[in-house]
Amino acid sequence: MRMGILLFDEVDLLDSGGPYEVFLTASRLAAREGEAPPFEVVTVGPSGEPVVAYGGLRLIPDLPLDQAGDLDVLVVPGAIAIDDVIAEPRVLDPLRRAVGEVPLVASVCTGAFILGELGLLDGRGWTTHWEDVERLAARIGGRGRSWVQWVDTGEIVTSGGLSSGIAMALHLVDRLASRDLAVRVARQLEYDWDPERGLHDDALGESLP
């Protein structure tokens, strides 16, 4: 499966790097055991130009988003100044075109604000950083949930803040490859992963307002 990680100016490093490392490690561990690597990981940006992450680290996307070809999963990280990202047509316009072609879109932290701006969270359960749940709910509706690491509603998966993106990515390894591989990845990363710290679509009716 081809996993795209979106990069843009002021992107949070852990939001983007956490899932990147999870998917990369999953393929490395699978190959080490003689299994077919389940994931190809690529980074995509508004253009082919470098972006500057929050804090000043320069990152070079592998491909412009509009030239990325077929992606099976697209991960949309967050940013501290997420409203500045949403207001940037260079980010939102190609992303708006791309999400209609990707079977599964996931967000990390305030990346949920971008998904909300694109209408992808309408009528769904979702989560984001616990500090921002009420703010996003005021914009798109009251189906947000605090203090869960991820919410999986099928073709849209959202995660809580920062390191919750790692937990969400491990959940995607579990969902798309196997629980065994997800556990092996968590052990390799020395990450204390609890696969029950998220919500599935079938639990949302009783768990969300």
N, C-alpha and C. Protein backbone atom coordinates (compact mmCIF):
# COMPACT_ATOMS: atom_id res chain seq x y z
N MET A 1 0.84 -1.18 0.00
CA MET A 1 0.00 0.00 0.00
C MET A 1 0.88 1.24 0.00
N ARG A 2 0.44 2.25 -0.71
CA ARG A 2 1.23 3.48 -0.86
C ARG A 2 0.71 4.52 0.13
N MET A 3 1.59 4.88 1.08
CA MET A 3 1.22 5.76 2.18
C MET A 3 1.84 7.13 1.94
N GLY A 4 1.01 8.16 1.82
CA GLY A 4 1.49 9.51 1.63
C GLY A 4 1.44 10.30 2.93
N ILE A 5 2.50 11.01 3.23
CA ILE A 5 2.55 11.90 4.40
C ILE A 5 2.64 13.33 3.88
N LEU A 6 1.66 14.15 4.18
CA LEU A 6 1.64 15.52 3.70
C LEU A 6 2.60 16.39 4.52
N LEU A 7 3.38 17.20 3.82
CA LEU A 7 4.27 18.17 4.45
C LEU A 7 3.93 19.57 3.96
N PHE A 8 4.03 20.55 4.84
CA PHE A 8 3.75 21.93 4.46
C PHE A 8 4.48 22.83 5.45
N ASP A 9 4.60 24.10 5.14
CA ASP A 9 5.27 25.05 6.03
C ASP A 9 4.59 25.07 7.39
N GLU A 10 5.38 25.01 8.45
CA GLU A 10 4.95 25.02 9.85
C GLU A 10 4.34 23.69 10.31
N VAL A 11 4.49 22.64 9.51
CA VAL A 11 3.99 21.33 9.93
C VAL A 11 4.68 20.91 11.22
N ASP A 12 3.95 20.22 12.08
CA ASP A 12 4.55 19.72 13.30
C ASP A 12 5.38 18.47 12.99
N LEU A 13 6.59 18.43 13.48
CA LEU A 13 7.51 17.34 13.13
C LEU A 13 7.03 15.99 13.64
N LEU A 14 6.55 15.92 14.88
CA LEU A 14 6.11 14.63 15.41
C LEU A 14 4.84 14.14 14.71
N ASP A 15 3.97 15.07 14.35
CA ASP A 15 2.75 14.69 13.62
C ASP A 15 3.08 13.98 12.32
N SER A 16 4.10 14.46 11.63
CA SER A 16 4.46 13.88 10.34
C SER A 16 5.47 12.75 10.50
N GLY A 17 6.47 12.95 11.35
CA GLY A 17 7.54 11.97 11.50
C GLY A 17 7.11 10.71 12.23
N GLY A 18 6.16 10.83 13.17
CA GLY A 18 5.71 9.65 13.90
C GLY A 18 5.11 8.59 12.99
N PRO A 19 4.05 8.93 12.23
CA PRO A 19 3.50 7.95 11.29
C PRO A 19 4.50 7.48 10.24
N TYR A 20 5.35 8.39 9.76
CA TYR A 20 6.37 8.01 8.79
C TYR A 20 7.23 6.88 9.34
N GLU A 21 7.69 7.04 10.57
CA GLU A 21 8.55 6.04 11.20
C GLU A 21 7.81 4.73 11.42
N VAL A 22 6.53 4.79 11.79
CA VAL A 22 5.75 3.57 12.00
C VAL A 22 5.63 2.77 10.72
N PHE A 23 5.22 3.41 9.64
CA PHE A 23 5.03 2.68 8.38
C PHE A 23 6.37 2.16 7.83
N LEU A 24 7.41 2.98 7.96
CA LEU A 24 8.73 2.58 7.50
C LEU A 24 9.22 1.36 8.29
N THR A 25 9.04 1.41 9.60
CA THR A 25 9.48 0.30 10.44
C THR A 25 8.67 -0.96 10.16
N ALA A 26 7.39 -0.82 9.90
CA ALA A 26 6.56 -1.98 9.58
C ALA A 26 7.11 -2.71 8.36
N SER A 27 7.45 -1.96 7.33
CA SER A 27 7.98 -2.60 6.13
C SER A 27 9.36 -3.19 6.37
N ARG A 28 10.18 -2.51 7.16
CA ARG A 28 11.52 -3.03 7.46
C ARG A 28 11.44 -4.34 8.25
N LEU A 29 10.57 -4.39 9.24
CA LEU A 29 10.44 -5.61 10.05
C LEU A 29 9.86 -6.75 9.23
N ALA A 30 8.89 -6.44 8.38
CA ALA A 30 8.32 -7.49 7.53
C ALA A 30 9.39 -8.06 6.61
N ALA A 31 10.17 -7.19 5.98
CA ALA A 31 11.22 -7.67 5.08
C ALA A 31 12.27 -8.48 5.83
N ARG A 32 12.57 -8.09 7.06
CA ARG A 32 13.55 -8.81 7.85
C ARG A 32 13.11 -10.24 8.16
N GLU A 33 11.78 -10.44 8.21
CA GLU A 33 11.23 -11.77 8.47
C GLU A 33 10.90 -12.53 7.19
N GLY A 34 11.34 -11.98 6.04
CA GLY A 34 11.07 -12.64 4.77
C GLY A 34 9.67 -12.42 4.24
N GLU A 35 8.95 -11.46 4.81
CA GLU A 35 7.60 -11.14 4.36
C GLU A 35 7.65 -10.00 3.36
N ALA A 36 6.59 -9.87 2.58
CA ALA A 36 6.51 -8.76 1.64
C ALA A 36 6.30 -7.47 2.42
N PRO A 37 7.09 -6.44 2.17
CA PRO A 37 6.88 -5.15 2.85
C PRO A 37 5.48 -4.61 2.51
N PRO A 38 4.67 -4.31 3.52
CA PRO A 38 3.29 -3.92 3.23
C PRO A 38 3.12 -2.48 2.77
N PHE A 39 4.11 -1.62 3.03
CA PHE A 39 3.92 -0.19 2.78
C PHE A 39 5.08 0.41 2.00
N GLU A 40 4.72 1.30 1.08
CA GLU A 40 5.67 2.23 0.48
C GLU A 40 5.31 3.61 1.02
N VAL A 41 6.28 4.30 1.59
CA VAL A 41 6.01 5.58 2.23
C VAL A 41 6.61 6.70 1.39
N VAL A 42 5.78 7.70 1.06
CA VAL A 42 6.26 8.86 0.32
C VAL A 42 5.78 10.12 1.03
N THR A 43 6.57 11.17 0.94
CA THR A 43 6.14 12.47 1.45
C THR A 43 5.70 13.33 0.27
N VAL A 44 4.63 14.08 0.49
CA VAL A 44 4.07 14.92 -0.57
C VAL A 44 3.91 16.33 -0.03
N GLY A 45 4.09 17.30 -0.90
CA GLY A 45 3.98 18.70 -0.48
C GLY A 45 3.17 19.50 -1.48
N PRO A 46 2.91 20.76 -1.18
CA PRO A 46 2.19 21.62 -2.12
C PRO A 46 2.90 21.74 -3.46
N SER A 47 4.23 21.64 -3.43
CA SER A 47 5.04 21.65 -4.64
C SER A 47 6.24 20.77 -4.36
N GLY A 48 7.18 20.77 -5.26
CA GLY A 48 8.41 20.02 -5.02
C GLY A 48 9.43 20.79 -4.21
N GLU A 49 9.07 22.00 -3.79
CA GLU A 49 10.01 22.85 -3.06
C GLU A 49 10.09 22.43 -1.59
N PRO A 50 11.24 22.70 -0.94
CA PRO A 50 11.34 22.42 0.49
C PRO A 50 10.30 23.20 1.29
N VAL A 51 9.92 22.63 2.43
CA VAL A 51 9.05 23.33 3.37
C VAL A 51 9.84 23.48 4.67
N VAL A 52 9.38 24.39 5.52
CA VAL A 52 10.05 24.64 6.80
C VAL A 52 9.09 24.25 7.91
N ALA A 53 9.42 23.20 8.64
CA ALA A 53 8.58 22.73 9.72
C ALA A 53 8.62 23.70 10.89
N TYR A 54 7.67 23.54 11.80
CA TYR A 54 7.66 24.34 13.02
C TYR A 54 8.98 24.16 13.76
N GLY A 55 9.62 25.27 14.09
CA GLY A 55 10.92 25.22 14.73
C GLY A 55 12.08 25.45 13.78
N GLY A 56 11.81 25.39 12.45
CA GLY A 56 12.83 25.77 11.49
C GLY A 56 13.49 24.66 10.69
N LEU A 57 13.17 23.39 10.97
CA LEU A 57 13.80 22.30 10.22
C LEU A 57 13.26 22.28 8.79
N ARG A 58 14.16 22.25 7.81
CA ARG A 58 13.75 22.20 6.41
C ARG A 58 13.54 20.76 5.98
N LEU A 59 12.44 20.52 5.28
CA LEU A 59 12.08 19.20 4.79
C LEU A 59 11.83 19.28 3.29
N ILE A 60 12.21 18.24 2.58
CA ILE A 60 12.01 18.22 1.12
C ILE A 60 11.04 17.09 0.79
N PRO A 61 9.81 17.42 0.38
CA PRO A 61 8.86 16.37 -0.02
C PRO A 61 9.39 15.58 -1.21
N ASP A 62 9.01 14.30 -1.24
CA ASP A 62 9.41 13.47 -2.38
C ASP A 62 8.74 13.93 -3.66
N LEU A 63 7.48 14.35 -3.57
CA LEU A 63 6.67 14.66 -4.74
C LEU A 63 5.70 15.79 -4.44
N PRO A 64 5.35 16.59 -5.45
CA PRO A 64 4.20 17.48 -5.28
C PRO A 64 2.92 16.64 -5.15
N LEU A 65 2.00 17.12 -4.36
CA LEU A 65 0.77 16.36 -4.12
C LEU A 65 0.03 16.05 -5.42
N ASP A 66 0.01 17.00 -6.34
CA ASP A 66 -0.74 16.77 -7.57
C ASP A 66 0.00 15.87 -8.56
N GLN A 67 1.22 15.43 -8.20
CA GLN A 67 1.95 14.48 -9.04
C GLN A 67 2.25 13.18 -8.28
N ALA A 68 1.55 12.96 -7.19
CA ALA A 68 1.87 11.82 -6.33
C ALA A 68 1.36 10.49 -6.87
N GLY A 69 0.47 10.53 -7.84
CA GLY A 69 -0.09 9.28 -8.35
C GLY A 69 -1.06 8.67 -7.35
N ASP A 70 -1.30 7.39 -7.48
CA ASP A 70 -2.27 6.73 -6.61
C ASP A 70 -1.72 6.53 -5.21
N LEU A 71 -2.48 7.00 -4.23
CA LEU A 71 -2.16 6.78 -2.83
C LEU A 71 -3.28 5.94 -2.21
N ASP A 72 -2.91 5.00 -1.36
CA ASP A 72 -3.91 4.24 -0.63
C ASP A 72 -4.31 4.93 0.66
N VAL A 73 -3.36 5.64 1.26
CA VAL A 73 -3.60 6.37 2.51
C VAL A 73 -2.88 7.71 2.40
N LEU A 74 -3.54 8.76 2.88
CA LEU A 74 -2.92 10.08 2.97
C LEU A 74 -3.03 10.55 4.41
N VAL A 75 -1.90 10.84 5.03
CA VAL A 75 -1.87 11.33 6.41
C VAL A 75 -1.69 12.84 6.38
N VAL A 76 -2.59 13.55 7.06
CA VAL A 76 -2.57 15.01 7.11
C VAL A 76 -2.18 15.43 8.52
N PRO A 77 -0.95 15.89 8.71
CA PRO A 77 -0.50 16.31 10.04
C PRO A 77 -1.11 17.66 10.42
N GLY A 78 -0.80 18.09 11.66
CA GLY A 78 -1.28 19.37 12.13
C GLY A 78 -0.17 20.40 12.22
N ALA A 79 -0.54 21.54 12.78
CA ALA A 79 0.40 22.65 12.98
C ALA A 79 -0.10 23.47 14.16
N ILE A 80 0.81 24.21 14.78
CA ILE A 80 0.40 25.10 15.87
C ILE A 80 -0.53 26.17 15.33
N ALA A 81 -0.13 26.85 14.28
CA ALA A 81 -0.94 27.90 13.67
C ALA A 81 -1.77 27.29 12.54
N ILE A 82 -2.69 26.42 12.89
CA ILE A 82 -3.41 25.65 11.87
C ILE A 82 -4.29 26.54 11.00
N ASP A 83 -4.80 27.66 11.54
CA ASP A 83 -5.63 28.54 10.71
C ASP A 83 -4.83 29.19 9.59
N ASP A 84 -3.53 29.42 9.83
CA ASP A 84 -2.69 29.95 8.76
C ASP A 84 -2.53 28.93 7.64
N VAL A 85 -2.45 27.65 8.00
CA VAL A 85 -2.34 26.59 7.00
C VAL A 85 -3.63 26.51 6.19
N ILE A 86 -4.76 26.54 6.90
CA ILE A 86 -6.06 26.45 6.22
C ILE A 86 -6.27 27.62 5.27
N ALA A 87 -5.72 28.77 5.61
CA ALA A 87 -5.89 29.96 4.78
C ALA A 87 -4.96 29.99 3.58
N GLU A 88 -4.09 28.99 3.44
CA GLU A 88 -3.11 28.98 2.37
C GLU A 88 -3.61 28.16 1.18
N PRO A 89 -4.02 28.81 0.08
CA PRO A 89 -4.55 28.06 -1.07
C PRO A 89 -3.53 27.07 -1.65
N ARG A 90 -2.25 27.35 -1.53
CA ARG A 90 -1.24 26.43 -2.07
C ARG A 90 -1.29 25.07 -1.39
N VAL A 91 -1.79 25.04 -0.16
CA VAL A 91 -1.95 23.78 0.55
C VAL A 91 -3.34 23.19 0.32
N LEU A 92 -4.36 24.01 0.53
CA LEU A 92 -5.74 23.49 0.51
C LEU A 92 -6.22 23.11 -0.88
N ASP A 93 -5.84 23.87 -1.90
CA ASP A 93 -6.38 23.58 -3.24
C ASP A 93 -5.94 22.21 -3.75
N PRO A 94 -4.65 21.87 -3.76
CA PRO A 94 -4.28 20.53 -4.22
C PRO A 94 -4.78 19.43 -3.29
N LEU A 95 -4.87 19.74 -1.99
CA LEU A 95 -5.37 18.74 -1.06
C LEU A 95 -6.84 18.46 -1.30
N ARG A 96 -7.61 19.50 -1.59
CA ARG A 96 -9.03 19.34 -1.88
C ARG A 96 -9.24 18.43 -3.08
N ARG A 97 -8.38 18.58 -4.09
CA ARG A 97 -8.49 17.72 -5.27
C ARG A 97 -8.07 16.29 -4.94
N ALA A 98 -7.05 16.15 -4.10
CA ALA A 98 -6.47 14.82 -3.86
C ALA A 98 -7.34 13.93 -3.00
N VAL A 99 -8.01 14.51 -1.99
CA VAL A 99 -8.69 13.65 -1.02
C VAL A 99 -9.83 12.85 -1.64
N GLY A 100 -10.39 13.35 -2.73
CA GLY A 100 -11.45 12.60 -3.39
C GLY A 100 -10.97 11.34 -4.08
N GLU A 101 -9.66 11.22 -4.27
CA GLU A 101 -9.08 10.08 -4.96
C GLU A 101 -8.42 9.08 -4.02
N VAL A 102 -8.32 9.41 -2.74
CA VAL A 102 -7.60 8.56 -1.79
C VAL A 102 -8.61 7.76 -0.97
N PRO A 103 -8.49 6.44 -0.92
CA PRO A 103 -9.47 5.62 -0.20
C PRO A 103 -9.53 5.88 1.30
N LEU A 104 -8.39 6.25 1.90
CA LEU A 104 -8.35 6.44 3.35
C LEU A 104 -7.52 7.68 3.66
N VAL A 105 -8.14 8.62 4.37
CA VAL A 105 -7.47 9.85 4.78
C VAL A 105 -7.41 9.86 6.30
N ALA A 106 -6.24 10.14 6.84
CA ALA A 106 -6.04 10.18 8.29
C ALA A 106 -5.46 11.52 8.68
N SER A 107 -5.80 11.99 9.87
CA SER A 107 -5.23 13.23 10.37
C SER A 107 -4.55 12.99 11.71
N VAL A 108 -3.59 13.86 12.00
CA VAL A 108 -2.91 13.85 13.29
C VAL A 108 -3.12 15.20 13.93
N CYS A 109 -3.52 15.21 15.19
CA CYS A 109 -3.63 16.43 15.98
C CYS A 109 -4.54 17.45 15.25
N THR A 110 -4.07 18.67 15.10
CA THR A 110 -4.90 19.71 14.48
C THR A 110 -5.05 19.53 12.97
N GLY A 111 -4.45 18.49 12.41
CA GLY A 111 -4.77 18.15 11.02
C GLY A 111 -6.26 17.91 10.83
N ALA A 112 -6.97 17.57 11.92
CA ALA A 112 -8.42 17.40 11.85
C ALA A 112 -9.11 18.70 11.43
N PHE A 113 -8.53 19.87 11.76
CA PHE A 113 -9.10 21.13 11.33
C PHE A 113 -9.09 21.23 9.80
N ILE A 114 -8.03 20.71 9.18
CA ILE A 114 -7.96 20.72 7.72
C ILE A 114 -9.03 19.80 7.15
N LEU A 115 -9.17 18.60 7.72
CA LEU A 115 -10.21 17.69 7.25
C LEU A 115 -11.59 18.30 7.44
N GLY A 116 -11.79 18.99 8.58
CA GLY A 116 -13.07 19.66 8.81
C GLY A 116 -13.33 20.74 7.79
N GLU A 117 -12.31 21.51 7.44
CA GLU A 117 -12.45 22.57 6.44
C GLU A 117 -12.84 21.99 5.09
N LEU A 118 -12.37 20.79 4.79
CA LEU A 118 -12.69 20.13 3.52
C LEU A 118 -14.02 19.39 3.55
N GLY A 119 -14.70 19.41 4.68
CA GLY A 119 -16.00 18.74 4.80
C GLY A 119 -15.91 17.25 5.04
N LEU A 120 -14.72 16.74 5.34
CA LEU A 120 -14.55 15.30 5.47
C LEU A 120 -15.02 14.75 6.81
N LEU A 121 -15.28 15.64 7.78
CA LEU A 121 -15.73 15.18 9.09
C LEU A 121 -17.22 15.36 9.31
N ASP A 122 -17.92 15.85 8.32
CA ASP A 122 -19.36 16.08 8.46
C ASP A 122 -20.08 14.79 8.82
N GLY A 123 -20.84 14.80 9.91
CA GLY A 123 -21.61 13.64 10.30
C GLY A 123 -20.81 12.49 10.86
N ARG A 124 -19.54 12.72 11.15
CA ARG A 124 -18.66 11.66 11.66
C ARG A 124 -18.22 11.96 13.08
N GLY A 125 -17.79 10.93 13.76
CA GLY A 125 -17.02 11.12 14.98
C GLY A 125 -15.59 11.45 14.63
N TRP A 126 -14.93 12.20 15.50
CA TRP A 126 -13.56 12.60 15.24
C TRP A 126 -12.88 12.96 16.55
N THR A 127 -11.57 13.10 16.49
CA THR A 127 -10.81 13.62 17.62
C THR A 127 -9.69 14.50 17.10
N THR A 128 -9.11 15.26 18.01
CA THR A 128 -7.95 16.09 17.73
C THR A 128 -7.26 16.31 19.08
N HIS A 129 -6.30 17.19 19.15
CA HIS A 129 -5.66 17.47 20.44
C HIS A 129 -6.73 17.89 21.45
N TRP A 130 -6.60 17.41 22.69
CA TRP A 130 -7.64 17.66 23.69
C TRP A 130 -7.89 19.15 23.90
N GLU A 131 -6.87 20.00 23.72
CA GLU A 131 -7.07 21.44 23.89
C GLU A 131 -7.96 22.04 22.81
N ASP A 132 -8.09 21.34 21.69
CA ASP A 132 -8.74 21.93 20.52
C ASP A 132 -10.08 21.31 20.17
N VAL A 133 -10.53 20.32 20.93
CA VAL A 133 -11.78 19.64 20.58
C VAL A 133 -12.95 20.61 20.57
N GLU A 134 -13.09 21.43 21.60
CA GLU A 134 -14.22 22.36 21.65
C GLU A 134 -14.15 23.39 20.52
N ARG A 135 -12.96 23.84 20.20
CA ARG A 135 -12.81 24.84 19.13
C ARG A 135 -13.21 24.27 17.79
N LEU A 136 -12.82 23.02 17.50
CA LEU A 136 -13.21 22.41 16.24
C LEU A 136 -14.69 22.07 16.24
N ALA A 137 -15.21 21.63 17.38
CA ALA A 137 -16.64 21.31 17.47
C ALA A 137 -17.49 22.54 17.18
N ALA A 138 -17.02 23.71 17.62
CA ALA A 138 -17.77 24.95 17.36
C ALA A 138 -17.84 25.26 15.87
N ARG A 139 -16.87 24.74 15.10
CA ARG A 139 -16.86 25.00 13.66
C ARG A 139 -17.67 23.99 12.87
N ILE A 140 -17.55 22.72 13.26
CA ILE A 140 -18.11 21.67 12.39
C ILE A 140 -19.17 20.81 13.06
N GLY A 141 -19.41 21.00 14.35
CA GLY A 141 -20.41 20.18 15.02
C GLY A 141 -19.82 19.49 16.24
N GLY A 142 -20.70 18.92 17.05
CA GLY A 142 -20.31 18.43 18.36
C GLY A 142 -19.96 16.96 18.46
N ARG A 143 -19.43 16.38 17.39
CA ARG A 143 -19.13 14.95 17.43
C ARG A 143 -17.68 14.66 17.80
N GLY A 144 -17.02 15.60 18.43
CA GLY A 144 -15.64 15.40 18.81
C GLY A 144 -15.52 14.64 20.12
N ARG A 145 -14.38 14.00 20.29
CA ARG A 145 -14.13 13.23 21.50
C ARG A 145 -12.71 13.51 22.00
N SER A 146 -12.61 13.91 23.28
CA SER A 146 -11.31 14.16 23.88
C SER A 146 -10.73 12.89 24.49
N TRP A 147 -9.40 12.87 24.60
CA TRP A 147 -8.68 11.83 25.34
C TRP A 147 -8.88 10.43 24.77
N VAL A 148 -9.08 10.33 23.48
CA VAL A 148 -8.92 9.05 22.79
C VAL A 148 -7.79 9.24 21.79
N GLN A 149 -7.06 8.19 21.52
CA GLN A 149 -5.90 8.36 20.64
C GLN A 149 -6.27 8.36 19.17
N TRP A 150 -7.36 7.72 18.81
CA TRP A 150 -7.82 7.76 17.43
C TRP A 150 -9.31 7.44 17.36
N VAL A 151 -9.93 7.92 16.29
CA VAL A 151 -11.32 7.57 15.96
C VAL A 151 -11.33 7.10 14.52
N ASP A 152 -11.80 5.89 14.31
CA ASP A 152 -11.80 5.25 12.98
C ASP A 152 -13.24 5.15 12.49
N THR A 153 -13.58 5.91 11.45
CA THR A 153 -14.92 5.85 10.87
C THR A 153 -14.89 5.29 9.45
N GLY A 154 -13.93 4.43 9.19
CA GLY A 154 -13.86 3.79 7.88
C GLY A 154 -12.85 4.46 6.99
N GLU A 155 -13.33 5.32 6.10
CA GLU A 155 -12.41 5.98 5.16
C GLU A 155 -11.75 7.22 5.76
N ILE A 156 -12.17 7.62 6.96
CA ILE A 156 -11.55 8.74 7.66
C ILE A 156 -11.13 8.28 9.05
N VAL A 157 -9.86 8.53 9.39
CA VAL A 157 -9.34 8.21 10.72
C VAL A 157 -8.68 9.47 11.26
N THR A 158 -9.07 9.89 12.45
CA THR A 158 -8.47 11.05 13.08
C THR A 158 -7.75 10.61 14.35
N SER A 159 -6.75 11.39 14.75
CA SER A 159 -6.04 11.03 15.99
C SER A 159 -5.88 12.26 16.86
N GLY A 160 -5.58 12.01 18.13
CA GLY A 160 -5.35 13.08 19.08
C GLY A 160 -4.03 13.77 18.81
N GLY A 161 -3.50 14.42 19.83
CA GLY A 161 -2.35 15.27 19.64
C GLY A 161 -1.03 14.54 19.59
N LEU A 162 -0.13 15.03 18.73
CA LEU A 162 1.29 14.70 18.75
C LEU A 162 1.55 13.20 18.74
N SER A 163 1.95 12.62 19.87
CA SER A 163 2.33 11.20 19.87
C SER A 163 1.15 10.28 19.61
N SER A 164 -0.09 10.79 19.69
CA SER A 164 -1.24 9.96 19.32
C SER A 164 -1.20 9.59 17.84
N GLY A 165 -0.48 10.38 17.06
CA GLY A 165 -0.31 10.01 15.65
C GLY A 165 0.44 8.71 15.49
N ILE A 166 1.35 8.41 16.41
CA ILE A 166 2.05 7.13 16.39
C ILE A 166 1.07 6.01 16.70
N ALA A 167 0.23 6.22 17.72
CA ALA A 167 -0.78 5.21 18.07
C ALA A 167 -1.75 4.98 16.92
N MET A 168 -2.15 6.06 16.26
CA MET A 168 -3.06 5.92 15.12
C MET A 168 -2.40 5.17 13.98
N ALA A 169 -1.12 5.47 13.71
CA ALA A 169 -0.42 4.76 12.65
C ALA A 169 -0.27 3.28 12.97
N LEU A 170 -0.02 2.95 14.23
CA LEU A 170 0.02 1.55 14.63
C LEU A 170 -1.34 0.90 14.45
N HIS A 171 -2.40 1.64 14.73
CA HIS A 171 -3.75 1.12 14.46
C HIS A 171 -3.93 0.84 12.97
N LEU A 172 -3.41 1.70 12.12
CA LEU A 172 -3.53 1.46 10.67
C LEU A 172 -2.71 0.24 10.25
N VAL A 173 -1.55 0.05 10.85
CA VAL A 173 -0.78 -1.18 10.56
C VAL A 173 -1.61 -2.39 10.98
N ASP A 174 -2.22 -2.32 12.15
CA ASP A 174 -3.10 -3.38 12.64
C ASP A 174 -4.24 -3.63 11.65
N ARG A 175 -4.89 -2.55 11.23
CA ARG A 175 -6.06 -2.66 10.34
C ARG A 175 -5.69 -3.13 8.93
N LEU A 176 -4.59 -2.60 8.38
CA LEU A 176 -4.26 -2.83 6.98
C LEU A 176 -3.30 -4.00 6.76
N ALA A 177 -2.56 -4.37 7.80
CA ALA A 177 -1.60 -5.48 7.68
C ALA A 177 -1.97 -6.56 8.69
N SER A 178 -1.56 -6.42 9.94
CA SER A 178 -1.90 -7.43 10.96
C SER A 178 -1.61 -6.89 12.35
N ARG A 179 -2.32 -7.42 13.33
CA ARG A 179 -2.05 -7.07 14.72
C ARG A 179 -0.63 -7.48 15.12
N ASP A 180 -0.21 -8.64 14.65
CA ASP A 180 1.13 -9.12 14.99
C ASP A 180 2.19 -8.12 14.53
N LEU A 181 2.06 -7.61 13.31
CA LEU A 181 3.05 -6.66 12.82
C LEU A 181 2.99 -5.37 13.62
N ALA A 182 1.79 -4.91 13.94
CA ALA A 182 1.66 -3.68 14.73
C ALA A 182 2.33 -3.82 16.08
N VAL A 183 2.16 -4.96 16.71
CA VAL A 183 2.80 -5.20 18.02
C VAL A 183 4.31 -5.22 17.87
N ARG A 184 4.80 -5.85 16.81
CA ARG A 184 6.25 -5.89 16.58
C ARG A 184 6.81 -4.50 16.34
N VAL A 185 6.07 -3.67 15.61
CA VAL A 185 6.53 -2.31 15.36
C VAL A 185 6.58 -1.51 16.66
N ALA A 186 5.52 -1.61 17.46
CA ALA A 186 5.49 -0.89 18.73
C ALA A 186 6.66 -1.31 19.61
N ARG A 187 6.96 -2.60 19.64
CA ARG A 187 8.09 -3.08 20.43
C ARG A 187 9.41 -2.53 19.88
N GLN A 188 9.55 -2.53 18.56
CA GLN A 188 10.79 -2.03 17.95
C GLN A 188 11.00 -0.55 18.26
N LEU A 189 9.90 0.21 18.26
CA LEU A 189 9.98 1.64 18.53
C LEU A 189 10.01 1.94 20.03
N GLU A 190 9.88 0.90 20.85
CA GLU A 190 9.79 1.06 22.30
C GLU A 190 8.67 2.04 22.67
N TYR A 191 7.51 1.80 22.04
CA TYR A 191 6.33 2.64 22.25
C TYR A 191 5.26 1.82 22.95
N ASP A 192 4.72 2.36 24.03
CA ASP A 192 3.72 1.65 24.83
C ASP A 192 2.36 1.83 24.16
N TRP A 193 2.03 0.91 23.27
CA TRP A 193 0.82 1.02 22.45
C TRP A 193 -0.31 0.19 23.04
N ASP A 194 -1.45 0.83 23.20
CA ASP A 194 -2.67 0.13 23.64
C ASP A 194 -3.68 0.20 22.51
N PRO A 195 -3.95 -0.93 21.84
CA PRO A 195 -4.87 -0.90 20.69
C PRO A 195 -6.31 -0.59 21.07
N GLU A 196 -6.61 -0.55 22.36
CA GLU A 196 -7.97 -0.25 22.80
C GLU A 196 -8.18 1.22 23.13
N ARG A 197 -7.18 2.06 22.94
CA ARG A 197 -7.32 3.48 23.29
C ARG A 197 -7.87 4.32 22.14
N GLY A 198 -8.65 3.70 21.29
CA GLY A 198 -9.31 4.41 20.21
C GLY A 198 -10.76 3.99 20.12
N LEU A 199 -11.46 4.59 19.18
CA LEU A 199 -12.88 4.27 18.95
C LEU A 199 -13.09 3.87 17.51
N HIS A 200 -13.89 2.82 17.32
CA HIS A 200 -14.30 2.39 15.98
C HIS A 200 -15.69 2.95 15.68
N ASP A 201 -16.03 2.93 14.42
CA ASP A 201 -17.32 3.44 13.96
C ASP A 201 -18.49 2.82 14.71
N ASP A 202 -18.43 1.51 14.99
CA ASP A 202 -19.55 0.85 15.63
C ASP A 202 -19.71 1.22 17.11
N ALA A 203 -18.71 1.91 17.68
CA ALA A 203 -18.81 2.34 19.08
C ALA A 203 -19.22 3.79 19.22
N LEU A 204 -19.30 4.50 18.11
CA LEU A 204 -19.49 5.94 18.20
C LEU A 204 -20.89 6.32 18.68
N GLY A 205 -21.87 5.53 18.29
CA GLY A 205 -23.23 5.87 18.66
C GLY A 205 -23.43 5.97 20.15
N GLU A 206 -22.84 5.08 20.91
CA GLU A 206 -23.00 5.11 22.36
C GLU A 206 -21.94 5.96 23.05
N SER A 207 -20.85 6.27 22.35
CA SER A 207 -19.73 6.94 23.00
C SER A 207 -19.70 8.44 22.76
N LEU A 208 -20.36 8.90 21.69
CA LEU A 208 -20.30 10.31 21.35
C LEU A 208 -21.65 10.95 21.54
N PRO A 209 -21.68 12.23 21.88
CA PRO A 209 -22.96 12.95 22.05
C PRO A 209 -23.71 13.06 20.74
